[in-house]
Amino acid sequence: MEDNIKGKVVIITGGSSGLGENTARHLASRGAKVVIAARRKEKLDAIAEDIRKDGGEALVVETDVTKREDLKNLIEISKKEYGKIDVLINNAGLMAIAPLAEDKVEEWDKMIDINVKGVLYGISAALPVFQEQGFGHFINLSSVAGIKVFSPGGTVYSGTKYAVRAISDGLRHEVGGNIRTTTIEPGAIDSELKYGSSHDESSENVKEFYKQAIPGDSIARAIAYAIEQPTEVDVNEIVIRPTVQEF
């Protein structure tokens, strides 16, 4: 069977830890050329060095997904370096859990900026390249909280993740044909996401909830599955959670 991962250029936002880091390492081990993007350049550099030591190929681009120009720059640098882009994984995310009555409007704004606008900025930057090439693959990270509202506390977070699902499905419908779209909806997966809450009681509840978490490489394998399918196969949605997770 042809290896549909080897040689592909894959950009991963939120690549400095958690699911982004796991995915970068896994895809690089499968022969992909990974471009890892995040704000914490030192962490990206360390991950890229590890990948290169293991014989893989990695490029680092410092990126803040809340800045549209950063996403445009990320796409331009990747295209210039490799001559094409096969996959954009919109993975960067923030989960700030607190009841609406706590009125954490700044956290709402941050979640909307990162989880929704960050995905849209990535699509905006990559779509013209995909259309010009005649191929491409968007992989957008939603959540089980984008299938069922995670409340009390996760109402706004769920709103952002429902938005990712809606945007992904509309994108698939609008640009399908040569361009693939996949939405990944993880449950409790071990990552830094669980540390995003400033509300003490909610933070403790989240940490308790995440005691059932499964390793991040389970998501990396799911993403690899979507990428490795033949060109005419579009895996649109993958829900993946711990066996013991009820929600």
C-alpha atoms as a PDB file:
ATOM      1  CA  MET A   1       0.000   0.000   0.000  1.00  0.00           C
ATOM      2  CA  GLU A   2       1.265   3.471  -0.882  1.00  0.00           C
ATOM      3  CA  ASP A   3       2.375   5.561   2.112  1.00  0.00           C
ATOM      4  CA  ASN A   4       0.274   8.718   1.879  1.00  0.00           C
ATOM      5  CA  ILE A   5       2.072  10.448   4.764  1.00  0.00           C
ATOM      6  CA  LYS A   6       5.698  10.209   3.654  1.00  0.00           C
ATOM      7  CA  GLY A   7       6.865  13.439   2.005  1.00  0.00           C
ATOM      8  CA  LYS A   8       3.740  15.413   2.862  1.00  0.00           C
ATOM      9  CA  VAL A   9       4.208  18.942   4.210  1.00  0.00           C
ATOM     10  CA  VAL A  10       2.119  19.272   7.365  1.00  0.00           C
ATOM     11  CA  ILE A  11       1.682  22.519   9.328  1.00  0.00           C
ATOM     12  CA  ILE A  12       0.605  22.207  12.965  1.00  0.00           C
ATOM     13  CA  THR A  13      -0.489  25.192  15.079  1.00  0.00           C
ATOM     14  CA  GLY A  14      -0.234  24.851  18.843  1.00  0.00           C
ATOM     15  CA  GLY A  15       2.796  22.668  18.162  1.00  0.00           C
ATOM     16  CA  SER A  16       4.818  23.443  21.300  1.00  0.00           C
ATOM     17  CA  SER A  17       3.085  20.939  23.621  1.00  0.00           C
ATOM     18  CA  GLY A  18       0.275  18.429  24.019  1.00  0.00           C
ATOM     19  CA  LEU A  19      -1.578  17.173  20.969  1.00  0.00           C
ATOM     20  CA  GLY A  20       0.356  19.448  18.615  1.00  0.00           C
ATOM     21  CA  GLU A  21       3.718  18.169  19.824  1.00  0.00           C
ATOM     22  CA  ASN A  22       2.538  14.527  19.822  1.00  0.00           C
ATOM     23  CA  THR A  23       1.213  14.908  16.288  1.00  0.00           C
ATOM     24  CA  ALA A  24       4.382  16.593  15.023  1.00  0.00           C
ATOM     25  CA  ARG A  25       6.581  13.835  16.435  1.00  0.00           C
ATOM     26  CA  HIS A  26       4.339  11.052  15.140  1.00  0.00           C
ATOM     27  CA  LEU A  27       3.930  12.422  11.618  1.00  0.00           C
ATOM     28  CA  ALA A  28       7.656  13.199  11.364  1.00  0.00           C
ATOM     29  CA  SER A  29       8.401   9.589  12.336  1.00  0.00           C
ATOM     30  CA  ARG A  30       6.143   8.560   9.431  1.00  0.00           C
ATOM     31  CA  GLY A  31       8.179  10.669   7.002  1.00  0.00           C
ATOM     32  CA  ALA A  32       6.159  13.887   6.886  1.00  0.00           C
ATOM     33  CA  LYS A  33       7.898  17.263   6.711  1.00  0.00           C
ATOM     34  CA  VAL A  34       6.406  19.031   9.704  1.00  0.00           C
ATOM     35  CA  VAL A  35       6.129  22.764  10.262  1.00  0.00           C
ATOM     36  CA  ILE A  36       5.479  23.397  13.944  1.00  0.00           C
ATOM     37  CA  ALA A  37       3.986  26.736  14.920  1.00  0.00           C
ATOM     38  CA  ALA A  38       3.295  28.320  18.317  1.00  0.00           C
ATOM     39  CA  ARG A  39       4.268  31.328  20.425  1.00  0.00           C
ATOM     40  CA  ARG A  40       6.877  29.493  22.553  1.00  0.00           C
ATOM     41  CA  LYS A  41       9.783  29.311  20.140  1.00  0.00           C
ATOM     42  CA  GLU A  42      12.221  27.730  22.627  1.00  0.00           C
ATOM     43  CA  LYS A  43       9.893  24.763  23.047  1.00  0.00           C
ATOM     44  CA  LEU A  44       9.408  24.480  19.285  1.00  0.00           C
ATOM     45  CA  ASP A  45      13.175  24.531  18.740  1.00  0.00           C
ATOM     46  CA  ALA A  46      13.691  21.726  21.269  1.00  0.00           C
ATOM     47  CA  ILE A  47      10.983  19.558  19.640  1.00  0.00           C
ATOM     48  CA  ALA A  48      12.382  20.217  16.152  1.00  0.00           C
ATOM     49  CA  GLU A  49      15.879  19.292  17.320  1.00  0.00           C
ATOM     50  CA  ASP A  50      14.558  15.974  18.675  1.00  0.00           C
ATOM     51  CA  ILE A  51      12.764  15.264  15.406  1.00  0.00           C
ATOM     52  CA  ARG A  52      15.903  15.988  13.374  1.00  0.00           C
ATOM     53  CA  LYS A  53      18.034  13.791  15.663  1.00  0.00           C
ATOM     54  CA  ASP A  54      15.651  10.944  14.877  1.00  0.00           C
ATOM     55  CA  GLY A  55      16.125  11.529  11.147  1.00  0.00           C
ATOM     56  CA  GLY A  56      12.953  13.558  10.605  1.00  0.00           C
ATOM     57  CA  GLU A  57      12.411  16.948   9.007  1.00  0.00           C
ATOM     58  CA  ALA A  58      11.009  19.900  10.951  1.00  0.00           C
ATOM     59  CA  LEU A  59      10.688  23.639  10.436  1.00  0.00           C
ATOM     60  CA  VAL A  60       9.855  26.074  13.247  1.00  0.00           C
ATOM     61  CA  VAL A  61       7.784  29.234  12.738  1.00  0.00           C
ATOM     62  CA  GLU A  62       6.926  31.390  15.753  1.00  0.00           C
ATOM     63  CA  THR A  63       3.199  32.069  15.398  1.00  0.00           C
ATOM     64  CA  ASP A  64       0.375  33.672  17.371  1.00  0.00           C
ATOM     65  CA  VAL A  65      -2.879  32.392  15.850  1.00  0.00           C
ATOM     66  CA  THR A  66      -4.772  35.450  17.080  1.00  0.00           C
ATOM     67  CA  LYS A  67      -2.773  37.535  14.584  1.00  0.00           C
ATOM     68  CA  ARG A  68      -3.891  37.127  11.005  1.00  0.00           C
ATOM     69  CA  GLU A  69      -0.502  38.296   9.682  1.00  0.00           C
ATOM     70  CA  ASP A  70       1.251  35.540  11.643  1.00  0.00           C
ATOM     71  CA  LEU A  71      -0.857  32.880   9.913  1.00  0.00           C
ATOM     72  CA  LYS A  72      -0.189  34.406   6.494  1.00  0.00           C
ATOM     73  CA  ASN A  73       3.521  34.459   7.325  1.00  0.00           C
ATOM     74  CA  LEU A  74       3.391  30.807   8.476  1.00  0.00           C
ATOM     75  CA  ILE A  75       1.846  29.696   5.188  1.00  0.00           C
ATOM     76  CA  GLU A  76       4.230  31.813   3.085  1.00  0.00           C
ATOM     77  CA  ILE A  77       7.366  30.528   4.848  1.00  0.00           C
ATOM     78  CA  SER A  78       6.180  26.900   4.589  1.00  0.00           C
ATOM     79  CA  LYS A  79       5.366  27.247   0.886  1.00  0.00           C
ATOM     80  CA  LYS A  80       8.699  28.949   0.183  1.00  0.00           C
ATOM     81  CA  GLU A  81      10.636  26.265   2.057  1.00  0.00           C
ATOM     82  CA  TYR A  82       8.914  23.192   0.641  1.00  0.00           C
ATOM     83  CA  GLY A  83       7.170  24.374  -2.535  1.00  0.00           C
ATOM     84  CA  LYS A  84       3.784  23.059  -1.428  1.00  0.00           C
ATOM     85  CA  ILE A  85       1.546  22.539   1.602  1.00  0.00           C
ATOM     86  CA  ASP A  86      -0.399  19.298   1.954  1.00  0.00           C
ATOM     87  CA  VAL A  87      -2.064  19.649   5.351  1.00  0.00           C
ATOM     88  CA  LEU A  88      -2.908  22.432   7.804  1.00  0.00           C
ATOM     89  CA  ILE A  89      -3.791  21.222  11.303  1.00  0.00           C
ATOM     90  CA  ASN A  90      -5.602  23.998  13.196  1.00  0.00           C
ATOM     91  CA  ASN A  91      -4.818  22.688  16.661  1.00  0.00           C
ATOM     92  CA  ALA A  92      -4.082  25.737  18.859  1.00  0.00           C
ATOM     93  CA  GLY A  93      -6.747  26.073  21.535  1.00  0.00           C
ATOM     94  CA  LEU A  94      -7.675  27.459  24.949  1.00  0.00           C
ATOM     95  CA  MET A  95     -10.096  25.926  27.444  1.00  0.00           C
ATOM     96  CA  ALA A  96     -10.987  28.411  30.208  1.00  0.00           C
ATOM     97  CA  ILE A  97     -13.779  26.842  32.269  1.00  0.00           C
ATOM     98  CA  ALA A  98     -15.929  28.997  34.581  1.00  0.00           C
ATOM     99  CA  PRO A  99     -19.668  29.558  35.102  1.00  0.00           C
ATOM    100  CA  LEU A 100     -21.115  32.401  33.013  1.00  0.00           C
ATOM    101  CA  ALA A 101     -22.031  34.244  36.234  1.00  0.00           C
ATOM    102  CA  GLU A 102     -18.308  34.658  36.963  1.00  0.00           C
ATOM    103  CA  ASP A 103     -18.355  37.095  34.002  1.00  0.00           C
ATOM    104  CA  LYS A 104     -14.872  36.264  32.750  1.00  0.00           C
ATOM    105  CA  VAL A 105     -15.362  38.266  29.565  1.00  0.00           C
ATOM    106  CA  GLU A 106     -11.623  38.563  28.850  1.00  0.00           C
ATOM    107  CA  GLU A 107     -11.370  34.754  28.860  1.00  0.00           C
ATOM    108  CA  TRP A 108     -14.386  34.517  26.546  1.00  0.00           C
ATOM    109  CA  ASP A 109     -12.642  36.898  24.172  1.00  0.00           C
ATOM    110  CA  LYS A 110      -9.415  34.872  24.295  1.00  0.00           C
ATOM    111  CA  MET A 111     -11.234  31.612  23.557  1.00  0.00           C
ATOM    112  CA  ILE A 112     -13.079  33.177  20.632  1.00  0.00           C
ATOM    113  CA  ASP A 113      -9.836  34.722  19.330  1.00  0.00           C
ATOM    114  CA  ILE A 114      -7.833  31.473  19.544  1.00  0.00           C
ATOM    115  CA  ASN A 115     -10.416  28.726  19.034  1.00  0.00           C
ATOM    116  CA  VAL A 116     -12.600  30.355  16.370  1.00  0.00           C
ATOM    117  CA  LYS A 117     -10.787  33.265  14.756  1.00  0.00           C
ATOM    118  CA  GLY A 118      -7.470  31.382  14.863  1.00  0.00           C
ATOM    119  CA  VAL A 119      -9.034  28.571  12.809  1.00  0.00           C
ATOM    120  CA  LEU A 120     -10.577  31.059  10.381  1.00  0.00           C
ATOM    121  CA  TYR A 121      -7.265  32.910   9.970  1.00  0.00           C
ATOM    122  CA  GLY A 122      -5.574  29.575   9.199  1.00  0.00           C
ATOM    123  CA  ILE A 123      -8.222  28.755   6.592  1.00  0.00           C
ATOM    124  CA  SER A 124      -7.930  32.250   5.119  1.00  0.00           C
ATOM    125  CA  ALA A 125      -4.154  31.902   4.724  1.00  0.00           C
ATOM    126  CA  ALA A 126      -4.051  28.325   3.410  1.00  0.00           C
ATOM    127  CA  LEU A 127      -7.138  28.089   1.204  1.00  0.00           C
ATOM    128  CA  PRO A 128      -5.763  30.167  -1.710  1.00  0.00           C
ATOM    129  CA  VAL A 129      -2.636  27.963  -1.730  1.00  0.00           C
ATOM    130  CA  PHE A 130      -4.717  24.770  -1.675  1.00  0.00           C
ATOM    131  CA  GLN A 131      -6.926  26.060  -4.494  1.00  0.00           C
ATOM    132  CA  GLU A 132      -3.923  27.046  -6.601  1.00  0.00           C
ATOM    133  CA  GLN A 133      -2.263  23.661  -6.029  1.00  0.00           C
ATOM    134  CA  GLY A 134      -5.466  21.736  -6.656  1.00  0.00           C
ATOM    135  CA  PHE A 135      -5.066  19.761  -3.402  1.00  0.00           C
ATOM    136  CA  GLY A 136      -4.900  20.253   0.359  1.00  0.00           C
ATOM    137  CA  HIS A 137      -6.285  19.009   3.646  1.00  0.00           C
ATOM    138  CA  PHE A 138      -7.667  21.003   6.592  1.00  0.00           C
ATOM    139  CA  ILE A 139      -7.730  19.223   9.955  1.00  0.00           C
ATOM    140  CA  ASN A 140      -9.541  21.255  12.604  1.00  0.00           C
ATOM    141  CA  LEU A 141      -9.542  20.376  16.298  1.00  0.00           C
ATOM    142  CA  SER A 142     -12.965  20.631  17.874  1.00  0.00           C
ATOM    143  CA  SER A 143     -13.926  18.647  21.005  1.00  0.00           C
ATOM    144  CA  VAL A 144     -16.574  16.368  22.467  1.00  0.00           C
ATOM    145  CA  ALA A 145     -17.637  19.706  23.988  1.00  0.00           C
ATOM    146  CA  GLY A 146     -18.492  20.665  20.412  1.00  0.00           C
ATOM    147  CA  ILE A 147     -21.005  17.784  20.322  1.00  0.00           C
ATOM    148  CA  LYS A 148     -22.549  18.219  23.774  1.00  0.00           C
ATOM    149  CA  VAL A 149     -22.395  21.407  25.862  1.00  0.00           C
ATOM    150  CA  PHE A 150     -19.911  21.022  28.718  1.00  0.00           C
ATOM    151  CA  SER A 151     -21.781  22.795  31.513  1.00  0.00           C
ATOM    152  CA  PRO A 152     -21.776  24.247  34.036  1.00  0.00           C
ATOM    153  CA  GLY A 153     -18.574  26.088  33.279  1.00  0.00           C
ATOM    154  CA  GLY A 154     -17.789  25.180  29.698  1.00  0.00           C
ATOM    155  CA  THR A 155     -20.603  27.019  27.959  1.00  0.00           C
ATOM    156  CA  VAL A 156     -18.425  29.500  26.055  1.00  0.00           C
ATOM    157  CA  TYR A 157     -15.747  26.881  25.372  1.00  0.00           C
ATOM    158  CA  SER A 158     -18.434  24.610  23.928  1.00  0.00           C
ATOM    159  CA  GLY A 159     -19.697  27.534  21.852  1.00  0.00           C
ATOM    160  CA  THR A 160     -16.258  27.918  20.267  1.00  0.00           C
ATOM    161  CA  LYS A 161     -15.960  24.193  19.573  1.00  0.00           C
ATOM    162  CA  TYR A 162     -19.466  23.975  18.070  1.00  0.00           C
ATOM    163  CA  ALA A 163     -18.319  26.840  15.843  1.00  0.00           C
ATOM    164  CA  VAL A 164     -15.282  24.841  14.697  1.00  0.00           C
ATOM    165  CA  ARG A 165     -17.557  21.951  13.695  1.00  0.00           C
ATOM    166  CA  ALA A 166     -19.891  24.275  11.795  1.00  0.00           C
ATOM    167  CA  ILE A 167     -17.026  26.040  10.021  1.00  0.00           C
ATOM    168  CA  SER A 168     -15.435  22.708   9.095  1.00  0.00           C
ATOM    169  CA  ASP A 169     -18.642  21.311   7.665  1.00  0.00           C
ATOM    170  CA  GLY A 170     -19.345  24.463   5.669  1.00  0.00           C
ATOM    171  CA  LEU A 171     -15.755  24.493   4.441  1.00  0.00           C
ATOM    172  CA  ARG A 172     -16.032  20.858   3.314  1.00  0.00           C
ATOM    173  CA  HIS A 173     -19.208  21.645   1.410  1.00  0.00           C
ATOM    174  CA  GLU A 174     -17.785  24.775  -0.233  1.00  0.00           C
ATOM    175  CA  VAL A 175     -14.326  23.576  -1.264  1.00  0.00           C
ATOM    176  CA  GLY A 176     -14.676  19.776  -1.411  1.00  0.00           C
ATOM    177  CA  GLY A 177     -13.580  17.987  -4.540  1.00  0.00           C
ATOM    178  CA  ASN A 178      -9.829  18.313  -4.347  1.00  0.00           C
ATOM    179  CA  ILE A 179      -9.591  19.730  -0.826  1.00  0.00           C
ATOM    180  CA  ARG A 180     -10.282  17.518   2.185  1.00  0.00           C
ATOM    181  CA  THR A 181     -11.666  18.585   5.571  1.00  0.00           C
ATOM    182  CA  THR A 182     -11.467  16.634   8.814  1.00  0.00           C
ATOM    183  CA  THR A 183     -12.792  17.590  12.246  1.00  0.00           C
ATOM    184  CA  ILE A 184     -11.251  15.831  15.260  1.00  0.00           C
ATOM    185  CA  GLU A 185     -13.329  15.797  18.457  1.00  0.00           C
ATOM    186  CA  PRO A 186     -11.200  14.629  21.394  1.00  0.00           C
ATOM    187  CA  GLY A 187     -12.502  13.805  24.827  1.00  0.00           C
ATOM    188  CA  ALA A 188     -10.204  13.836  27.863  1.00  0.00           C
ATOM    189  CA  ILE A 189      -6.735  13.721  26.339  1.00  0.00           C
ATOM    190  CA  ASP A 190      -3.584  14.425  28.351  1.00  0.00           C
ATOM    191  CA  SER A 191      -2.372  17.934  27.427  1.00  0.00           C
ATOM    192  CA  GLU A 192      -1.901  21.442  28.839  1.00  0.00           C
ATOM    193  CA  LEU A 193      -5.492  22.291  27.886  1.00  0.00           C
ATOM    194  CA  LYS A 194      -6.652  21.323  31.376  1.00  0.00           C
ATOM    195  CA  TYR A 195      -4.616  24.166  32.912  1.00  0.00           C
ATOM    196  CA  GLY A 196      -6.488  26.987  31.111  1.00  0.00           C
ATOM    197  CA  SER A 197      -9.014  27.820  33.849  1.00  0.00           C
ATOM    198  CA  SER A 198      -8.482  30.697  36.301  1.00  0.00           C
ATOM    199  CA  HIS A 199     -11.644  29.918  38.300  1.00  0.00           C
ATOM    200  CA  ASP A 200     -10.413  27.764  41.200  1.00  0.00           C
ATOM    201  CA  GLU A 201     -13.432  25.488  41.656  1.00  0.00           C
ATOM    202  CA  SER A 202     -13.771  24.887  37.914  1.00  0.00           C
ATOM    203  CA  SER A 203     -10.035  24.254  37.640  1.00  0.00           C
ATOM    204  CA  GLU A 204     -10.204  21.554  40.317  1.00  0.00           C
ATOM    205  CA  ASN A 205     -13.221  19.955  38.615  1.00  0.00           C
ATOM    206  CA  VAL A 206     -11.396  19.935  35.261  1.00  0.00           C
ATOM    207  CA  LYS A 207      -8.290  18.350  36.787  1.00  0.00           C
ATOM    208  CA  GLU A 208     -10.483  15.684  38.406  1.00  0.00           C
ATOM    209  CA  PHE A 209     -12.238  15.070  35.065  1.00  0.00           C
ATOM    210  CA  TYR A 210      -8.878  14.703  33.312  1.00  0.00           C
ATOM    211  CA  LYS A 211      -7.717  11.924  35.631  1.00  0.00           C
ATOM    212  CA  GLN A 212      -9.336   9.564  33.073  1.00  0.00           C
ATOM    213  CA  ALA A 213      -7.334  11.104  30.206  1.00  0.00           C
ATOM    214  CA  ILE A 214      -5.646   8.997  27.555  1.00  0.00           C
ATOM    215  CA  PRO A 215      -2.258   9.943  26.006  1.00  0.00           C
ATOM    216  CA  GLY A 216      -2.020  12.582  23.289  1.00  0.00           C
ATOM    217  CA  ASP A 217      -0.514  10.143  20.794  1.00  0.00           C
ATOM    218  CA  SER A 218      -3.989   8.588  20.455  1.00  0.00           C
ATOM    219  CA  ILE A 219      -5.032  11.806  18.672  1.00  0.00           C
ATOM    220  CA  ALA A 220      -1.819  11.808  16.631  1.00  0.00           C
ATOM    221  CA  ARG A 221      -2.707   8.338  15.313  1.00  0.00           C
ATOM    222  CA  ALA A 222      -6.260   9.452  14.481  1.00  0.00           C
ATOM    223  CA  ILE A 223      -4.880  12.428  12.547  1.00  0.00           C
ATOM    224  CA  ALA A 224      -2.427  10.145  10.723  1.00  0.00           C
ATOM    225  CA  TYR A 225      -5.341   7.881   9.769  1.00  0.00           C
ATOM    226  CA  ALA A 226      -7.179  10.802   8.162  1.00  0.00           C
ATOM    227  CA  ILE A 227      -4.069  11.963   6.291  1.00  0.00           C
ATOM    228  CA  GLU A 228      -2.992   8.562   4.992  1.00  0.00           C
ATOM    229  CA  GLN A 229      -6.253   7.790   3.173  1.00  0.00           C
ATOM    230  CA  PRO A 230      -6.193   7.783  -0.641  1.00  0.00           C
ATOM    231  CA  THR A 231      -6.805  11.195  -2.209  1.00  0.00           C
ATOM    232  CA  GLU A 232     -10.432  10.460  -3.035  1.00  0.00           C
ATOM    233  CA  VAL A 233     -11.247   9.478   0.575  1.00  0.00           C
ATOM    234  CA  ASP A 234     -12.233  12.308   2.929  1.00  0.00           C
ATOM    235  CA  VAL A 235     -12.515  11.344   6.604  1.00  0.00           C
ATOM    236  CA  ASN A 236     -14.785  14.147   7.776  1.00  0.00           C
ATOM    237  CA  GLU A 237     -15.162  13.536  11.491  1.00  0.00           C
ATOM    238  CA  ILE A 238     -13.443  11.511  14.206  1.00  0.00           C
ATOM    239  CA  VAL A 239     -14.697  11.440  17.811  1.00  0.00           C
ATOM    240  CA  ILE A 240     -12.166   9.908  20.175  1.00  0.00           C
ATOM    241  CA  ARG A 241     -12.377   9.650  23.943  1.00  0.00           C
ATOM    242  CA  PRO A 242     -11.253   7.371  26.800  1.00  0.00           C
ATOM    243  CA  THR A 243     -13.250   4.132  27.013  1.00  0.00           C
ATOM    244  CA  VAL A 244     -14.343   5.095  30.548  1.00  0.00           C
ATOM    245  CA  GLN A 245     -15.433   8.637  29.668  1.00  0.00           C
ATOM    246  CA  GLU A 246     -19.218   9.013  29.872  1.00  0.00           C
ATOM    247  CA  PHE A 247     -19.470  12.590  28.532  1.00  0.00           C
END
